Amino acid sequence: MEPWLYNLIGYALYILLGFLSTIFVYFILKRNVLGRFWAAFVIGIIGAVLGGFILDDIFKKLTEIYNINVLASVFFSCVLIWFYSVVAPGGRKK
């Protein structure tokens, strides 16, 4: 596989994982986030990327797809969105 395509699939996977984390935290846990869904989505993507790099050694070889640690990305993304919803004014969705 071409290196650029391999990298593109990896970036798309980070975006997908951030989106899935956003769906989980925003709609299922019903956490209100300053900036609503789109801010949670951006935070989710940032959390997925950071989780993929920071927690990679901890969750090594549990689940890797295209050299991206999916479990670490989803975990850190959910934690980052949750933390942002706690820190941001508003708290829970009504």
C-alpha atoms as a PDB file:
ATOM      1  CA  MET A   1       0.000   0.000   0.000  1.00  0.00           C
ATOM      2  CA  GLU A   2       1.186   3.506  -0.770  1.00  0.00           C
ATOM      3  CA  PRO A   3       2.512   5.421   2.275  1.00  0.00           C
ATOM      4  CA  TRP A   4       0.264   8.443   1.650  1.00  0.00           C
ATOM      5  CA  LEU A   5      -2.833   6.230   1.492  1.00  0.00           C
ATOM      6  CA  TYR A   6      -1.772   4.445   4.657  1.00  0.00           C
ATOM      7  CA  ASN A   7      -1.438   7.806   6.451  1.00  0.00           C
ATOM      8  CA  LEU A   8      -4.755   9.050   5.043  1.00  0.00           C
ATOM      9  CA  ILE A   9      -6.571   5.980   6.364  1.00  0.00           C
ATOM     10  CA  GLY A  10      -4.946   6.563   9.760  1.00  0.00           C
ATOM     11  CA  TYR A  11      -6.127  10.183   9.880  1.00  0.00           C
ATOM     12  CA  ALA A  12      -9.631   9.178   8.812  1.00  0.00           C
ATOM     13  CA  LEU A  13      -9.654   6.567  11.567  1.00  0.00           C
ATOM     14  CA  TYR A  14      -8.751   9.191  14.176  1.00  0.00           C
ATOM     15  CA  ILE A  15     -11.657  11.336  12.946  1.00  0.00           C
ATOM     16  CA  LEU A  16     -14.017   8.352  13.066  1.00  0.00           C
ATOM     17  CA  LEU A  17     -12.920   7.448  16.594  1.00  0.00           C
ATOM     18  CA  GLY A  18     -13.390  11.055  17.729  1.00  0.00           C
ATOM     19  CA  PHE A  19     -16.860  11.032  16.188  1.00  0.00           C
ATOM     20  CA  LEU A  20     -17.827   7.783  17.918  1.00  0.00           C
ATOM     21  CA  SER A  21     -16.553   9.114  21.235  1.00  0.00           C
ATOM     22  CA  THR A  22     -18.574  12.284  20.719  1.00  0.00           C
ATOM     23  CA  ILE A  23     -21.729  10.286  20.032  1.00  0.00           C
ATOM     24  CA  PHE A  24     -21.132   8.274  23.202  1.00  0.00           C
ATOM     25  CA  VAL A  25     -20.448  11.202  25.538  1.00  0.00           C
ATOM     26  CA  TYR A  26     -22.873  13.746  24.046  1.00  0.00           C
ATOM     27  CA  PHE A  27     -25.912  11.607  23.231  1.00  0.00           C
ATOM     28  CA  ILE A  28     -25.648   8.497  25.397  1.00  0.00           C
ATOM     29  CA  LEU A  29     -24.149  10.009  28.570  1.00  0.00           C
ATOM     30  CA  LYS A  30     -26.047  13.266  27.828  1.00  0.00           C
ATOM     31  CA  ARG A  31     -23.202  15.564  28.835  1.00  0.00           C
ATOM     32  CA  ASN A  32     -23.589  19.195  27.863  1.00  0.00           C
ATOM     33  CA  VAL A  33     -20.505  20.705  26.282  1.00  0.00           C
ATOM     34  CA  LEU A  34     -19.793  24.382  25.668  1.00  0.00           C
ATOM     35  CA  GLY A  35     -20.153  24.663  21.901  1.00  0.00           C
ATOM     36  CA  ARG A  36     -22.535  21.701  21.815  1.00  0.00           C
ATOM     37  CA  PHE A  37     -21.986  18.800  19.422  1.00  0.00           C
ATOM     38  CA  TRP A  38     -19.336  20.404  17.188  1.00  0.00           C
ATOM     39  CA  ALA A  39     -17.081  21.443  20.046  1.00  0.00           C
ATOM     40  CA  ALA A  40     -17.380  17.937  21.488  1.00  0.00           C
ATOM     41  CA  PHE A  41     -16.490  16.563  18.051  1.00  0.00           C
ATOM     42  CA  VAL A  42     -13.338  18.697  17.815  1.00  0.00           C
ATOM     43  CA  ILE A  43     -12.355  17.760  21.382  1.00  0.00           C
ATOM     44  CA  GLY A  44     -13.055  14.120  20.515  1.00  0.00           C
ATOM     45  CA  ILE A  45     -10.687  14.235  17.544  1.00  0.00           C
ATOM     46  CA  ILE A  46      -7.995  15.925  19.624  1.00  0.00           C
ATOM     47  CA  GLY A  47      -8.513  13.334  22.352  1.00  0.00           C
ATOM     48  CA  ALA A  48      -8.300  10.475  19.857  1.00  0.00           C
ATOM     49  CA  VAL A  49      -5.001  11.748  18.477  1.00  0.00           C
ATOM     50  CA  LEU A  50      -3.510  12.474  21.904  1.00  0.00           C
ATOM     51  CA  GLY A  51      -4.736   9.165  23.280  1.00  0.00           C
ATOM     52  CA  GLY A  52      -3.225   7.345  20.333  1.00  0.00           C
ATOM     53  CA  PHE A  53       0.167   8.825  21.130  1.00  0.00           C
ATOM     54  CA  ILE A  54       0.154   9.185  24.926  1.00  0.00           C
ATOM     55  CA  LEU A  55      -1.533   5.932  25.910  1.00  0.00           C
ATOM     56  CA  ASP A  56      -0.036   3.856  23.111  1.00  0.00           C
ATOM     57  CA  ASP A  57       2.537   2.137  25.324  1.00  0.00           C
ATOM     58  CA  ILE A  58      -0.038   1.316  27.996  1.00  0.00           C
ATOM     59  CA  PHE A  59      -2.523  -0.302  25.619  1.00  0.00           C
ATOM     60  CA  LYS A  60       0.142  -1.671  23.266  1.00  0.00           C
ATOM     61  CA  LYS A  61      -0.924  -4.533  21.037  1.00  0.00           C
ATOM     62  CA  LEU A  62      -4.436  -4.794  22.510  1.00  0.00           C
ATOM     63  CA  THR A  63      -6.050  -3.418  19.390  1.00  0.00           C
ATOM     64  CA  GLU A  64      -4.140  -1.911  16.505  1.00  0.00           C
ATOM     65  CA  ILE A  65      -5.617  -1.006  13.147  1.00  0.00           C
ATOM     66  CA  TYR A  66      -3.346   0.686  10.609  1.00  0.00           C
ATOM     67  CA  ASN A  67      -0.790   1.334  13.360  1.00  0.00           C
ATOM     68  CA  ILE A  68      -3.379   3.267  15.404  1.00  0.00           C
ATOM     69  CA  ASN A  69      -4.185   2.041  18.876  1.00  0.00           C
ATOM     70  CA  VAL A  70      -7.973   2.158  18.727  1.00  0.00           C
ATOM     71  CA  LEU A  71      -8.615   1.382  22.382  1.00  0.00           C
ATOM     72  CA  ALA A  72      -6.289   4.110  23.633  1.00  0.00           C
ATOM     73  CA  SER A  73      -7.739   6.647  21.194  1.00  0.00           C
ATOM     74  CA  VAL A  74     -11.358   5.988  22.122  1.00  0.00           C
ATOM     75  CA  PHE A  75     -10.613   5.886  25.854  1.00  0.00           C
ATOM     76  CA  PHE A  76      -8.684   9.154  25.934  1.00  0.00           C
ATOM     77  CA  SER A  77     -11.138  10.856  23.595  1.00  0.00           C
ATOM     78  CA  CYS A  78     -14.087   9.998  25.864  1.00  0.00           C
ATOM     79  CA  VAL A  79     -12.164  11.110  28.936  1.00  0.00           C
ATOM     80  CA  LEU A  80     -11.192  14.408  27.297  1.00  0.00           C
ATOM     81  CA  ILE A  81     -14.775  15.187  26.195  1.00  0.00           C
ATOM     82  CA  TRP A  82     -16.082  14.278  29.648  1.00  0.00           C
ATOM     83  CA  PHE A  83     -13.455  16.465  31.327  1.00  0.00           C
ATOM     84  CA  TYR A  84     -14.290  19.360  29.008  1.00  0.00           C
ATOM     85  CA  SER A  85     -17.995  18.991  29.819  1.00  0.00           C
ATOM     86  CA  VAL A  86     -17.224  19.090  33.549  1.00  0.00           C
ATOM     87  CA  VAL A  87     -14.973  22.145  33.276  1.00  0.00           C
ATOM     88  CA  ALA A  88     -17.197  24.066  30.840  1.00  0.00           C
ATOM     89  CA  PRO A  89     -20.191  25.897  32.253  1.00  0.00           C
ATOM     90  CA  GLY A  90     -23.508  24.109  31.890  1.00  0.00           C
ATOM     91  CA  GLY A  91     -22.892  20.653  33.336  1.00  0.00           C
ATOM     92  CA  ARG A  92     -25.559  18.154  32.284  1.00  0.00           C
ATOM     93  CA  LYS A  93     -27.972  18.418  29.370  1.00  0.00           C
ATOM     94  CA  LYS A  94     -31.566  19.060  30.398  1.00  0.00           C
END
